[in-house]
Amino acid sequence: MEGGIHIEAKGLGVLIRKPLLATESPFTAADNLVYSEDRNRKSLFNYWKSKTN
């Protein structure tokens, strides 16, 4: 593992990591990480759902 500070989000068998930038607050970085993953998953689900119909 490389050095530095990372933000991790764990849940439902998934682990998401990203480096914490010096200008970011840990709380907002964690919120943004979870929010962007949620958007990505919803987008993939909607794409899959449109292909099955």
PDB file of N, CA and C in Angstrom:
ATOM      1  N   MET A   1       0.843  -1.162   0.000  1.00  0.00           N
ATOM      2  CA  MET A   1       0.000   0.000   0.000  1.00  0.00           C
ATOM      3  C   MET A   1       0.899   1.239   0.000  1.00  0.00           C
ATOM      4  N   GLU A   2       0.556   2.179  -0.826  1.00  0.00           N
ATOM      5  CA  GLU A   2       1.348   3.401  -0.891  1.00  0.00           C
ATOM      6  C   GLU A   2       1.071   4.291   0.312  1.00  0.00           C
ATOM      7  N   GLY A   3       1.950   5.223   0.560  1.00  0.00           N
ATOM      8  CA  GLY A   3       1.790   6.120   1.692  1.00  0.00           C
ATOM      9  C   GLY A   3       0.728   7.173   1.430  1.00  0.00           C
ATOM     10  N   GLY A   4       0.366   7.875   2.442  1.00  0.00           N
ATOM     11  CA  GLY A   4      -0.631   8.929   2.311  1.00  0.00           C
ATOM     12  C   GLY A   4      -1.901   8.594   3.063  1.00  0.00           C
ATOM     13  N   ILE A   5      -2.792   9.555   3.115  1.00  0.00           N
ATOM     14  CA  ILE A   5      -4.062   9.391   3.815  1.00  0.00           C
ATOM     15  C   ILE A   5      -5.141   9.080   2.794  1.00  0.00           C
ATOM     16  N   HIS A   6      -5.948   8.064   3.095  1.00  0.00           N
ATOM     17  CA  HIS A   6      -7.026   7.663   2.205  1.00  0.00           C
ATOM     18  C   HIS A   6      -8.354   7.681   2.953  1.00  0.00           C
ATOM     19  N   ILE A   7      -9.413   7.918   2.211  1.00  0.00           N
ATOM     20  CA  ILE A   7     -10.776   7.801   2.720  1.00  0.00           C
ATOM     21  C   ILE A   7     -11.298   6.459   2.241  1.00  0.00           C
ATOM     22  N   GLU A   8     -11.929   5.697   3.125  1.00  0.00           N
ATOM     23  CA  GLU A   8     -12.502   4.408   2.770  1.00  0.00           C
ATOM     24  C   GLU A   8     -13.983   4.394   3.100  1.00  0.00           C
ATOM     25  N   ALA A   9     -14.757   3.781   2.219  1.00  0.00           N
ATOM     26  CA  ALA A   9     -16.170   3.541   2.473  1.00  0.00           C
ATOM     27  C   ALA A   9     -16.399   2.044   2.333  1.00  0.00           C
ATOM     28  N   LYS A  10     -16.982   1.435   3.364  1.00  0.00           N
ATOM     29  CA  LYS A  10     -17.227   0.001   3.360  1.00  0.00           C
ATOM     30  C   LYS A  10     -18.713  -0.249   3.534  1.00  0.00           C
ATOM     31  N   GLY A  11     -19.209  -1.232   2.797  1.00  0.00           N
ATOM     32  CA  GLY A  11     -20.607  -1.604   2.969  1.00  0.00           C
ATOM     33  C   GLY A  11     -21.043  -2.582   1.911  1.00  0.00           C
ATOM     34  N   LEU A  12     -21.871  -3.538   2.313  1.00  0.00           N
ATOM     35  CA  LEU A  12     -22.432  -4.537   1.406  1.00  0.00           C
ATOM     36  C   LEU A  12     -21.355  -5.250   0.597  1.00  0.00           C
ATOM     37  N   GLY A  13     -20.222  -5.517   1.225  1.00  0.00           N
ATOM     38  CA  GLY A  13     -19.160  -6.250   0.558  1.00  0.00           C
ATOM     39  C   GLY A  13     -18.319  -5.428  -0.400  1.00  0.00           C
ATOM     40  N   VAL A  14     -18.463  -4.122  -0.377  1.00  0.00           N
ATOM     41  CA  VAL A  14     -17.735  -3.246  -1.286  1.00  0.00           C
ATOM     42  C   VAL A  14     -16.837  -2.324  -0.477  1.00  0.00           C
ATOM     43  N   LEU A  15     -15.619  -2.138  -0.948  1.00  0.00           N
ATOM     44  CA  LEU A  15     -14.682  -1.213  -0.325  1.00  0.00           C
ATOM     45  C   LEU A  15     -14.248  -0.208  -1.380  1.00  0.00           C
ATOM     46  N   ILE A  16     -14.490   1.065  -1.113  1.00  0.00           N
ATOM     47  CA  ILE A  16     -14.121   2.148  -2.035  1.00  0.00           C
ATOM     48  C   ILE A  16     -13.063   2.989  -1.339  1.00  0.00           C
ATOM     49  N   ARG A  17     -11.980   3.279  -2.042  1.00  0.00           N
ATOM     50  CA  ARG A  17     -10.897   4.092  -1.482  1.00  0.00           C
ATOM     51  C   ARG A  17     -10.547   5.222  -2.431  1.00  0.00           C
ATOM     52  N   LYS A  18     -10.156   6.339  -1.852  1.00  0.00           N
ATOM     53  CA  LYS A  18      -9.614   7.448  -2.636  1.00  0.00           C
ATOM     54  C   LYS A  18      -8.691   8.252  -1.743  1.00  0.00           C
ATOM     55  N   PRO A  19      -7.656   8.842  -2.324  1.00  0.00           N
ATOM     56  CA  PRO A  19      -6.742   9.641  -1.499  1.00  0.00           C
ATOM     57  C   PRO A  19      -7.419  10.924  -1.014  1.00  0.00           C
ATOM     58  N   LEU A  20      -7.084  11.326   0.184  1.00  0.00           N
ATOM     59  CA  LEU A  20      -7.594  12.565   0.751  1.00  0.00           C
ATOM     60  C   LEU A  20      -6.651  13.695   0.362  1.00  0.00           C
ATOM     61  N   LEU A  21      -7.191  14.685  -0.296  1.00  0.00           N
ATOM     62  CA  LEU A  21      -6.377  15.835  -0.703  1.00  0.00           C
ATOM     63  C   LEU A  21      -6.169  16.770   0.484  1.00  0.00           C
ATOM     64  N   ALA A  22      -5.117  17.553   0.420  1.00  0.00           N
ATOM     65  CA  ALA A  22      -4.780  18.453   1.527  1.00  0.00           C
ATOM     66  C   ALA A  22      -5.837  19.534   1.725  1.00  0.00           C
ATOM     67  N   THR A  23      -6.574  19.880   0.681  1.00  0.00           N
ATOM     68  CA  THR A  23      -7.570  20.952   0.779  1.00  0.00           C
ATOM     69  C   THR A  23      -8.957  20.443   1.147  1.00  0.00           C
ATOM     70  N   GLU A  24      -9.135  19.121   1.289  1.00  0.00           N
ATOM     71  CA  GLU A  24     -10.445  18.548   1.563  1.00  0.00           C
ATOM     72  C   GLU A  24     -10.663  18.302   3.045  1.00  0.00           C
ATOM     73  N   SER A  25     -11.881  18.467   3.469  1.00  0.00           N
ATOM     74  CA  SER A  25     -12.296  18.066   4.817  1.00  0.00           C
ATOM     75  C   SER A  25     -12.602  16.569   4.770  1.00  0.00           C
ATOM     76  N   PRO A  26     -12.217  15.815   5.767  1.00  0.00           N
ATOM     77  CA  PRO A  26     -12.516  14.376   5.760  1.00  0.00           C
ATOM     78  C   PRO A  26     -14.009  14.074   5.664  1.00  0.00           C
ATOM     79  N   PHE A  27     -14.834  14.885   6.302  1.00  0.00           N
ATOM     80  CA  PHE A  27     -16.278  14.653   6.268  1.00  0.00           C
ATOM     81  C   PHE A  27     -16.866  14.896   4.881  1.00  0.00           C
ATOM     82  N   THR A  28     -16.486  15.983   4.232  1.00  0.00           N
ATOM     83  CA  THR A  28     -17.016  16.254   2.897  1.00  0.00           C
ATOM     84  C   THR A  28     -16.438  15.286   1.868  1.00  0.00           C
ATOM     85  N   ALA A  29     -15.195  14.882   2.041  1.00  0.00           N
ATOM     86  CA  ALA A  29     -14.601  13.916   1.118  1.00  0.00           C
ATOM     87  C   ALA A  29     -15.326  12.580   1.213  1.00  0.00           C
ATOM     88  N   ALA A  30     -15.665  12.149   2.424  1.00  0.00           N
ATOM     89  CA  ALA A  30     -16.403  10.898   2.605  1.00  0.00           C
ATOM     90  C   ALA A  30     -17.806  11.003   2.017  1.00  0.00           C
ATOM     91  N   ASP A  31     -18.477  12.116   2.238  1.00  0.00           N
ATOM     92  CA  ASP A  31     -19.809  12.312   1.668  1.00  0.00           C
ATOM     93  C   ASP A  31     -19.762  12.295   0.147  1.00  0.00           C
ATOM     94  N   ASN A  32     -18.783  12.976  -0.433  1.00  0.00           N
ATOM     95  CA  ASN A  32     -18.654  13.008  -1.889  1.00  0.00           C
ATOM     96  C   ASN A  32     -18.333  11.633  -2.458  1.00  0.00           C
ATOM     97  N   LEU A  33     -17.532  10.864  -1.753  1.00  0.00           N
ATOM     98  CA  LEU A  33     -17.182   9.518  -2.200  1.00  0.00           C
ATOM     99  C   LEU A  33     -18.424   8.626  -2.253  1.00  0.00           C
ATOM    100  N   VAL A  34     -19.219   8.641  -1.198  1.00  0.00           N
ATOM    101  CA  VAL A  34     -20.426   7.824  -1.147  1.00  0.00           C
ATOM    102  C   VAL A  34     -21.459   8.326  -2.157  1.00  0.00           C
ATOM    103  N   TYR A  35     -21.613   9.626  -2.282  1.00  0.00           N
ATOM    104  CA  TYR A  35     -22.579  10.195  -3.220  1.00  0.00           C
ATOM    105  C   TYR A  35     -22.227   9.850  -4.663  1.00  0.00           C
ATOM    106  N   SER A  36     -20.951   9.942  -5.031  1.00  0.00           N
ATOM    107  CA  SER A  36     -20.558   9.637  -6.413  1.00  0.00           C
ATOM    108  C   SER A  36     -20.728   8.156  -6.713  1.00  0.00           C
ATOM    109  N   GLU A  37     -20.463   7.289  -5.744  1.00  0.00           N
ATOM    110  CA  GLU A  37     -20.673   5.854  -5.950  1.00  0.00           C
ATOM    111  C   GLU A  37     -22.153   5.539  -6.083  1.00  0.00           C
ATOM    112  N   ASP A  38     -22.994   6.199  -5.302  1.00  0.00           N
ATOM    113  CA  ASP A  38     -24.439   5.992  -5.390  1.00  0.00           C
ATOM    114  C   ASP A  38     -24.960   6.429  -6.755  1.00  0.00           C
ATOM    115  N   ARG A  39     -24.496   7.572  -7.245  1.00  0.00           N
ATOM    116  CA  ARG A  39     -24.893   8.045  -8.582  1.00  0.00           C
ATOM    117  C   ARG A  39     -24.472   7.057  -9.652  1.00  0.00           C
ATOM    118  N   ASN A  40     -23.251   6.539  -9.545  1.00  0.00           N
ATOM    119  CA  ASN A  40     -22.732   5.589 -10.521  1.00  0.00           C
ATOM    120  C   ASN A  40     -23.565   4.312 -10.530  1.00  0.00           C
ATOM    121  N   ARG A  41     -23.892   3.786  -9.359  1.00  0.00           N
ATOM    122  CA  ARG A  41     -24.688   2.563  -9.267  1.00  0.00           C
ATOM    123  C   ARG A  41     -26.092   2.759  -9.818  1.00  0.00           C
ATOM    124  N   LYS A  42     -26.710   3.897  -9.522  1.00  0.00           N
ATOM    125  CA  LYS A  42     -28.051   4.167 -10.053  1.00  0.00           C
ATOM    126  C   LYS A  42     -28.022   4.266 -11.568  1.00  0.00           C
ATOM    127  N   SER A  43     -26.990   4.893 -12.086  1.00  0.00           N
ATOM    128  CA  SER A  43     -26.855   5.022 -13.532  1.00  0.00           C
ATOM    129  C   SER A  43     -26.694   3.655 -14.191  1.00  0.00           C
ATOM    130  N   LEU A  44     -25.847   2.806 -13.629  1.00  0.00           N
ATOM    131  CA  LEU A  44     -25.659   1.463 -14.179  1.00  0.00           C
ATOM    132  C   LEU A  44     -26.934   0.637 -14.084  1.00  0.00           C
ATOM    133  N   PHE A  45     -27.662   0.750 -12.969  1.00  0.00           N
ATOM    134  CA  PHE A  45     -28.909   0.015 -12.810  1.00  0.00           C
ATOM    135  C   PHE A  45     -29.941   0.470 -13.833  1.00  0.00           C
ATOM    136  N   ASN A  46     -30.071   1.777 -14.020  1.00  0.00           N
ATOM    137  CA  ASN A  46     -31.049   2.292 -14.986  1.00  0.00           C
ATOM    138  C   ASN A  46     -30.692   1.877 -16.408  1.00  0.00           C
ATOM    139  N   TYR A  47     -29.408   1.833 -16.724  1.00  0.00           N
ATOM    140  CA  TYR A  47     -28.978   1.371 -18.046  1.00  0.00           C
ATOM    141  C   TYR A  47     -29.337  -0.094 -18.227  1.00  0.00           C
ATOM    142  N   TRP A  48     -29.046  -0.916 -17.221  1.00  0.00           N
ATOM    143  CA  TRP A  48     -29.362  -2.352 -17.279  1.00  0.00           C
ATOM    144  C   TRP A  48     -30.870  -2.558 -17.399  1.00  0.00           C
ATOM    145  N   LYS A  49     -31.635  -1.771 -16.635  1.00  0.00           N
ATOM    146  CA  LYS A  49     -33.089  -1.910 -16.652  1.00  0.00           C
ATOM    147  C   LYS A  49     -33.654  -1.552 -18.024  1.00  0.00           C
ATOM    148  N   SER A  50     -33.099  -0.537 -18.678  1.00  0.00           N
ATOM    149  CA  SER A  50     -33.585  -0.140 -20.004  1.00  0.00           C
ATOM    150  C   SER A  50     -33.248  -1.177 -21.059  1.00  0.00           C
ATOM    151  N   LYS A  51     -32.173  -1.949 -20.874  1.00  0.00           N
ATOM    152  CA  LYS A  51     -31.781  -2.978 -21.827  1.00  0.00           C
ATOM    153  C   LYS A  51     -32.610  -4.262 -21.695  1.00  0.00           C
ATOM    154  N   THR A  52     -33.168  -4.528 -20.516  1.00  0.00           N
ATOM    155  CA  THR A  52     -33.914  -5.771 -20.295  1.00  0.00           C
ATOM    156  C   THR A  52     -35.344  -5.668 -20.800  1.00  0.00           C
ATOM    157  N   ASN A  53     -35.859  -4.472 -21.031  1.00  0.00           N
ATOM    158  CA  ASN A  53     -37.248  -4.314 -21.507  1.00  0.00           C
ATOM    159  C   ASN A  53     -37.353  -4.449 -22.974  1.00  0.00           C
TER     160      ASN A  53
END
